[in-house]
Amino acid sequence: MINTVMIPRNFAIDEATELREKLIDMIENNKYDFLLDFSNCTFIDSTGLGVLVSVYKRINEHKGSLKLVKLNDNVMKVFKLTRLDKVFEIN
């Protein structure tokens, strides 16, 4: 079963910490397949990216999946600049 998680509008330090805790809790409860919906997200910083990378590593340890969807142009630009568009499956 795929678990859909909404990414906050401003995915920076406070929101990133909260989302990390939520995702890690889900992983610890044997949920390993995620669809992260960026339709509300207009900004992501390095903390947000760090959360995604650390969660991605944990999910991979369990042979799970992580897909990112509905990224706007500004957020997508950050993924391309950091080359994380080559790491994550983005639709």
Foldseek 3Di string as FASTA:
>chain_A
DEDEDEQAQAADDVSLVVVLVVLVVVVVVVHQEYEYEDQNHDYHDPSNVVSVVVSVVSSVVVVYAYEYENDDPVVVVVCVVVVVPVVHHYD
